[in-house]
Amino acid sequence: MPLLDAAHLVATAQPDPVTAYTLSAGRIGSLVAALAGLAGAALGGRALARRTGRGARAGVVLGLAGTAVAVVVVVTSDGGIGTGNGLGGAFVALLIGLAATGLAGLATARSRRPS
């Protein structure tokens, strides 16, 4: 029996499987993008409700930042949805970021109109 057989080397060289609770780099990136998008959407909605436009620019910046991070995760993901790379979360974060940018952009446009 050889000391280093091929089956043993292949079995020990495999990485641990990704579970539903494992936080990979892609999942963390998707989470950060979604949180930035949600914060931007909250600021944009608040700015729309107040008519002063306060916080609208920050909402646009957060929405664009969330969208950019989500795009990076989508582009760099090397697997499909369900492989633990954060691809599904990145698609959701992309939609949230775009919605936040739209809301905050609308609030910015309304606040610049003369009364």
N, C-alpha and C. Protein backbone atom coordinates (compact mmCIF):
# COMPACT_ATOMS: atom_id res chain seq x y z
N MET A 1 0.85 -1.18 0.00
CA MET A 1 0.00 0.00 0.00
C MET A 1 0.89 1.24 0.00
N PRO A 2 0.78 2.06 -1.06
CA PRO A 2 1.64 3.25 -1.12
C PRO A 2 1.20 4.29 -0.10
N LEU A 3 2.15 5.07 0.31
CA LEU A 3 1.89 6.10 1.30
C LEU A 3 1.01 7.23 0.74
N LEU A 4 1.24 7.62 -0.49
CA LEU A 4 0.48 8.70 -1.12
C LEU A 4 -0.27 8.18 -2.33
N ASP A 5 -1.42 7.62 -2.13
CA ASP A 5 -2.20 7.16 -3.28
C ASP A 5 -3.06 8.31 -3.81
N ALA A 6 -3.49 8.23 -5.04
CA ALA A 6 -4.19 9.32 -5.72
C ALA A 6 -5.55 9.61 -5.09
N ALA A 7 -6.26 8.59 -4.67
CA ALA A 7 -7.59 8.80 -4.07
C ALA A 7 -7.48 9.58 -2.77
N HIS A 8 -6.47 9.29 -1.99
CA HIS A 8 -6.28 10.01 -0.73
C HIS A 8 -5.93 11.47 -1.00
N LEU A 9 -5.09 11.73 -1.98
CA LEU A 9 -4.71 13.11 -2.31
C LEU A 9 -5.90 13.90 -2.83
N VAL A 10 -6.73 13.30 -3.65
CA VAL A 10 -7.91 14.00 -4.17
C VAL A 10 -8.90 14.28 -3.05
N ALA A 11 -9.09 13.34 -2.15
CA ALA A 11 -10.05 13.52 -1.06
C ALA A 11 -9.61 14.60 -0.09
N THR A 12 -8.32 14.72 0.15
CA THR A 12 -7.85 15.72 1.10
C THR A 12 -7.66 17.09 0.46
N ALA A 13 -7.61 17.19 -0.85
CA ALA A 13 -7.39 18.47 -1.52
C ALA A 13 -8.69 19.24 -1.76
N GLN A 14 -9.83 18.64 -1.55
CA GLN A 14 -11.11 19.30 -1.79
C GLN A 14 -11.42 20.28 -0.65
N PRO A 15 -11.92 21.48 -1.00
CA PRO A 15 -12.30 22.43 0.05
C PRO A 15 -13.58 21.97 0.75
N ASP A 16 -13.80 22.53 1.92
CA ASP A 16 -15.02 22.21 2.65
C ASP A 16 -16.22 22.72 1.86
N PRO A 17 -17.31 21.97 1.85
CA PRO A 17 -18.49 22.43 1.10
C PRO A 17 -19.11 23.66 1.76
N VAL A 18 -19.70 24.49 0.93
CA VAL A 18 -20.35 25.70 1.42
C VAL A 18 -21.74 25.33 1.91
N THR A 19 -22.04 25.68 3.14
CA THR A 19 -23.37 25.42 3.69
C THR A 19 -24.22 26.68 3.57
N ALA A 20 -25.44 26.59 4.01
CA ALA A 20 -26.33 27.74 3.94
C ALA A 20 -25.91 28.85 4.90
N TYR A 21 -25.10 28.52 5.88
CA TYR A 21 -24.70 29.51 6.89
C TYR A 21 -23.28 30.03 6.70
N THR A 22 -22.59 29.58 5.67
CA THR A 22 -21.23 30.03 5.42
C THR A 22 -21.25 31.41 4.78
N LEU A 23 -20.45 32.32 5.34
CA LEU A 23 -20.36 33.66 4.76
C LEU A 23 -19.13 33.73 3.89
N SER A 24 -19.32 33.58 2.60
CA SER A 24 -18.23 33.70 1.65
C SER A 24 -18.05 35.17 1.29
N ALA A 25 -16.99 35.47 0.55
CA ALA A 25 -16.73 36.86 0.16
C ALA A 25 -17.86 37.41 -0.72
N GLY A 26 -18.39 36.59 -1.61
CA GLY A 26 -19.48 37.03 -2.46
C GLY A 26 -20.75 37.31 -1.68
N ARG A 27 -21.02 36.47 -0.70
CA ARG A 27 -22.21 36.70 0.12
C ARG A 27 -22.07 37.96 0.96
N ILE A 28 -20.88 38.22 1.47
CA ILE A 28 -20.67 39.44 2.26
C ILE A 28 -20.80 40.66 1.35
N GLY A 29 -20.25 40.59 0.14
CA GLY A 29 -20.39 41.69 -0.81
C GLY A 29 -21.85 41.96 -1.17
N SER A 30 -22.62 40.90 -1.37
CA SER A 30 -24.04 41.07 -1.66
C SER A 30 -24.79 41.68 -0.49
N LEU A 31 -24.42 41.28 0.70
CA LEU A 31 -25.06 41.82 1.90
C LEU A 31 -24.75 43.31 2.05
N VAL A 32 -23.50 43.69 1.84
CA VAL A 32 -23.12 45.10 1.94
C VAL A 32 -23.84 45.91 0.87
N ALA A 33 -23.92 45.39 -0.34
CA ALA A 33 -24.61 46.09 -1.42
C ALA A 33 -26.09 46.26 -1.12
N ALA A 34 -26.72 45.22 -0.57
CA ALA A 34 -28.14 45.31 -0.24
C ALA A 34 -28.39 46.31 0.88
N LEU A 35 -27.52 46.33 1.89
CA LEU A 35 -27.68 47.28 2.99
C LEU A 35 -27.48 48.71 2.52
N ALA A 36 -26.51 48.94 1.64
CA ALA A 36 -26.31 50.28 1.10
C ALA A 36 -27.52 50.70 0.28
N GLY A 37 -28.06 49.79 -0.52
CA GLY A 37 -29.26 50.09 -1.30
C GLY A 37 -30.46 50.38 -0.43
N LEU A 38 -30.63 49.61 0.63
CA LEU A 38 -31.76 49.85 1.53
C LEU A 38 -31.64 51.19 2.24
N ALA A 39 -30.43 51.54 2.66
CA ALA A 39 -30.22 52.84 3.29
C ALA A 39 -30.50 53.97 2.30
N GLY A 40 -30.08 53.79 1.06
CA GLY A 40 -30.36 54.80 0.04
C GLY A 40 -31.84 54.92 -0.26
N ALA A 41 -32.54 53.79 -0.27
CA ALA A 41 -33.98 53.82 -0.51
C ALA A 41 -34.71 54.51 0.65
N ALA A 42 -34.25 54.25 1.86
CA ALA A 42 -34.87 54.91 3.02
C ALA A 42 -34.64 56.41 2.98
N LEU A 43 -33.44 56.83 2.65
CA LEU A 43 -33.16 58.26 2.55
C LEU A 43 -33.94 58.90 1.40
N GLY A 44 -34.02 58.21 0.28
CA GLY A 44 -34.77 58.74 -0.86
C GLY A 44 -36.26 58.85 -0.57
N GLY A 45 -36.83 57.84 0.07
CA GLY A 45 -38.24 57.89 0.44
C GLY A 45 -38.53 58.97 1.45
N ARG A 46 -37.62 59.14 2.39
CA ARG A 46 -37.79 60.20 3.39
C ARG A 46 -37.70 61.57 2.75
N ALA A 47 -36.77 61.72 1.81
CA ALA A 47 -36.62 63.01 1.12
C ALA A 47 -37.84 63.31 0.26
N LEU A 48 -38.44 62.29 -0.34
CA LEU A 48 -39.65 62.51 -1.11
C LEU A 48 -40.82 62.94 -0.22
N ALA A 49 -40.90 62.36 0.96
CA ALA A 49 -42.00 62.66 1.85
C ALA A 49 -41.89 64.08 2.43
N ARG A 50 -40.69 64.57 2.60
CA ARG A 50 -40.51 65.87 3.24
C ARG A 50 -40.50 67.05 2.28
N ARG A 51 -40.37 66.83 1.04
CA ARG A 51 -40.38 67.86 0.00
C ARG A 51 -39.20 68.83 0.07
N THR A 52 -38.36 68.75 1.07
CA THR A 52 -37.20 69.64 1.13
C THR A 52 -36.02 69.03 0.41
N GLY A 53 -36.05 67.75 0.18
CA GLY A 53 -34.96 67.08 -0.50
C GLY A 53 -33.77 66.77 0.39
N ARG A 54 -33.96 66.92 1.68
CA ARG A 54 -32.86 66.68 2.62
C ARG A 54 -32.52 65.19 2.66
N GLY A 55 -31.29 64.86 2.37
CA GLY A 55 -30.84 63.48 2.37
C GLY A 55 -30.94 62.81 1.01
N ALA A 56 -31.43 63.54 0.02
CA ALA A 56 -31.61 62.93 -1.30
C ALA A 56 -30.28 62.63 -1.97
N ARG A 57 -29.33 63.52 -1.83
CA ARG A 57 -28.02 63.29 -2.45
C ARG A 57 -27.32 62.09 -1.82
N ALA A 58 -27.43 61.97 -0.51
CA ALA A 58 -26.85 60.81 0.16
C ALA A 58 -27.53 59.53 -0.29
N GLY A 59 -28.83 59.60 -0.53
CA GLY A 59 -29.56 58.44 -1.03
C GLY A 59 -29.10 58.03 -2.42
N VAL A 60 -28.83 59.02 -3.27
CA VAL A 60 -28.32 58.72 -4.61
C VAL A 60 -26.95 58.06 -4.51
N VAL A 61 -26.10 58.60 -3.66
CA VAL A 61 -24.74 58.05 -3.51
C VAL A 61 -24.80 56.62 -2.96
N LEU A 62 -25.63 56.39 -1.96
CA LEU A 62 -25.74 55.04 -1.40
C LEU A 62 -26.36 54.07 -2.40
N GLY A 63 -27.34 54.51 -3.15
CA GLY A 63 -27.95 53.66 -4.17
C GLY A 63 -26.95 53.29 -5.26
N LEU A 64 -26.16 54.26 -5.71
CA LEU A 64 -25.15 53.99 -6.73
C LEU A 64 -24.04 53.10 -6.18
N ALA A 65 -23.66 53.30 -4.92
CA ALA A 65 -22.63 52.45 -4.31
C ALA A 65 -23.11 51.01 -4.19
N GLY A 66 -24.35 50.83 -3.76
CA GLY A 66 -24.91 49.48 -3.67
C GLY A 66 -25.00 48.82 -5.02
N THR A 67 -25.38 49.58 -6.04
CA THR A 67 -25.45 49.05 -7.39
C THR A 67 -24.06 48.65 -7.89
N ALA A 68 -23.07 49.48 -7.63
CA ALA A 68 -21.71 49.19 -8.09
C ALA A 68 -21.14 47.95 -7.42
N VAL A 69 -21.35 47.81 -6.13
CA VAL A 69 -20.84 46.63 -5.43
C VAL A 69 -21.56 45.38 -5.93
N ALA A 70 -22.86 45.48 -6.16
CA ALA A 70 -23.60 44.33 -6.68
C ALA A 70 -23.12 43.93 -8.06
N VAL A 71 -22.81 44.90 -8.90
CA VAL A 71 -22.29 44.59 -10.24
C VAL A 71 -20.95 43.89 -10.14
N VAL A 72 -20.10 44.33 -9.22
CA VAL A 72 -18.80 43.68 -9.04
C VAL A 72 -18.98 42.23 -8.60
N VAL A 73 -19.91 41.98 -7.69
CA VAL A 73 -20.16 40.61 -7.24
C VAL A 73 -20.70 39.75 -8.38
N VAL A 74 -21.60 40.30 -9.18
CA VAL A 74 -22.15 39.55 -10.32
C VAL A 74 -21.06 39.21 -11.32
N VAL A 75 -20.21 40.17 -11.61
CA VAL A 75 -19.17 39.96 -12.62
C VAL A 75 -18.11 38.97 -12.14
N THR A 76 -17.76 39.02 -10.88
CA THR A 76 -16.68 38.17 -10.37
C THR A 76 -17.15 36.82 -9.85
N SER A 77 -18.44 36.57 -9.84
CA SER A 77 -18.94 35.29 -9.36
C SER A 77 -18.58 34.19 -10.35
N ASP A 78 -18.02 33.10 -9.83
CA ASP A 78 -17.59 32.03 -10.71
C ASP A 78 -18.52 30.82 -10.66
N GLY A 79 -19.69 30.98 -10.13
CA GLY A 79 -20.65 29.89 -10.09
C GLY A 79 -22.05 30.42 -10.34
N GLY A 80 -23.00 29.54 -10.30
CA GLY A 80 -24.38 29.94 -10.51
C GLY A 80 -25.07 30.27 -9.20
N ILE A 81 -26.35 30.50 -9.29
CA ILE A 81 -27.14 30.79 -8.11
C ILE A 81 -27.24 29.51 -7.28
N GLY A 82 -26.99 29.63 -6.01
CA GLY A 82 -27.04 28.48 -5.11
C GLY A 82 -25.71 27.82 -4.86
N THR A 83 -24.63 28.40 -5.38
CA THR A 83 -23.31 27.80 -5.17
C THR A 83 -22.55 28.45 -4.02
N GLY A 84 -23.10 29.46 -3.40
CA GLY A 84 -22.45 30.11 -2.27
C GLY A 84 -21.61 31.29 -2.64
N ASN A 85 -21.72 31.77 -3.88
CA ASN A 85 -20.92 32.91 -4.33
C ASN A 85 -21.64 34.24 -4.18
N GLY A 86 -22.85 34.26 -3.72
CA GLY A 86 -23.59 35.50 -3.51
C GLY A 86 -24.24 36.05 -4.75
N LEU A 87 -24.37 35.24 -5.79
CA LEU A 87 -24.92 35.73 -7.05
C LEU A 87 -26.39 36.10 -6.93
N GLY A 88 -27.17 35.28 -6.27
CA GLY A 88 -28.60 35.58 -6.09
C GLY A 88 -28.81 36.84 -5.28
N GLY A 89 -28.06 36.98 -4.21
CA GLY A 89 -28.15 38.19 -3.39
C GLY A 89 -27.68 39.42 -4.13
N ALA A 90 -26.71 39.25 -5.02
CA ALA A 90 -26.22 40.38 -5.80
C ALA A 90 -27.28 40.87 -6.78
N PHE A 91 -28.05 39.95 -7.37
CA PHE A 91 -29.13 40.37 -8.26
C PHE A 91 -30.20 41.14 -7.48
N VAL A 92 -30.53 40.68 -6.30
CA VAL A 92 -31.50 41.39 -5.46
C VAL A 92 -30.95 42.76 -5.05
N ALA A 93 -29.68 42.80 -4.65
CA ALA A 93 -29.06 44.06 -4.26
C ALA A 93 -28.98 45.03 -5.44
N LEU A 94 -28.80 44.50 -6.63
CA LEU A 94 -28.77 45.34 -7.82
C LEU A 94 -30.12 46.03 -8.02
N LEU A 95 -31.20 45.29 -7.87
CA LEU A 95 -32.53 45.88 -8.00
C LEU A 95 -32.81 46.90 -6.90
N ILE A 96 -32.39 46.59 -5.68
CA ILE A 96 -32.60 47.53 -4.58
C ILE A 96 -31.80 48.81 -4.81
N GLY A 97 -30.56 48.67 -5.26
CA GLY A 97 -29.74 49.85 -5.52
C GLY A 97 -30.30 50.72 -6.62
N LEU A 98 -30.81 50.09 -7.68
CA LEU A 98 -31.41 50.87 -8.76
C LEU A 98 -32.69 51.58 -8.29
N ALA A 99 -33.48 50.90 -7.47
CA ALA A 99 -34.68 51.54 -6.93
C ALA A 99 -34.33 52.70 -6.02
N ALA A 100 -33.30 52.53 -5.21
CA ALA A 100 -32.86 53.60 -4.31
C ALA A 100 -32.36 54.80 -5.10
N THR A 101 -31.61 54.53 -6.16
CA THR A 101 -31.12 55.62 -7.00
C THR A 101 -32.28 56.36 -7.65
N GLY A 102 -33.27 55.63 -8.11
CA GLY A 102 -34.44 56.26 -8.72
C GLY A 102 -35.23 57.11 -7.74
N LEU A 103 -35.48 56.57 -6.54
CA LEU A 103 -36.21 57.31 -5.52
C LEU A 103 -35.48 58.58 -5.12
N ALA A 104 -34.21 58.44 -4.81
CA ALA A 104 -33.44 59.60 -4.36
C ALA A 104 -33.23 60.59 -5.50
N GLY A 105 -33.09 60.10 -6.72
CA GLY A 105 -32.98 61.01 -7.86
C GLY A 105 -34.26 61.80 -8.09
N LEU A 106 -35.38 61.15 -7.90
CA LEU A 106 -36.66 61.85 -8.02
C LEU A 106 -36.80 62.91 -6.93
N ALA A 107 -36.37 62.57 -5.73
CA ALA A 107 -36.43 63.54 -4.64
C ALA A 107 -35.49 64.72 -4.90
N THR A 108 -34.34 64.45 -5.49
CA THR A 108 -33.41 65.53 -5.83
C THR A 108 -34.01 66.43 -6.89
N ALA A 109 -34.63 65.85 -7.89
CA ALA A 109 -35.24 66.65 -8.96
C ALA A 109 -36.40 67.49 -8.43
N ARG A 110 -37.18 66.93 -7.53
CA ARG A 110 -38.32 67.70 -6.97
C ARG A 110 -37.85 68.83 -6.07
N SER A 111 -36.75 68.62 -5.37
CA SER A 111 -36.29 69.66 -4.45
C SER A 111 -35.66 70.83 -5.18
N ARG A 112 -35.25 70.64 -6.43
CA ARG A 112 -34.63 71.72 -7.20
C ARG A 112 -35.64 72.58 -7.95
N ARG A 113 -36.88 72.15 -8.01
CA ARG A 113 -37.91 72.93 -8.71
C ARG A 113 -38.25 74.19 -7.91
N PRO A 114 -38.45 75.28 -8.59
CA PRO A 114 -38.89 76.48 -7.85
C PRO A 114 -40.34 76.34 -7.39
N SER A 115 -40.64 76.86 -6.23
CA SER A 115 -42.00 76.73 -5.69
C SER A 115 -42.93 77.76 -6.26
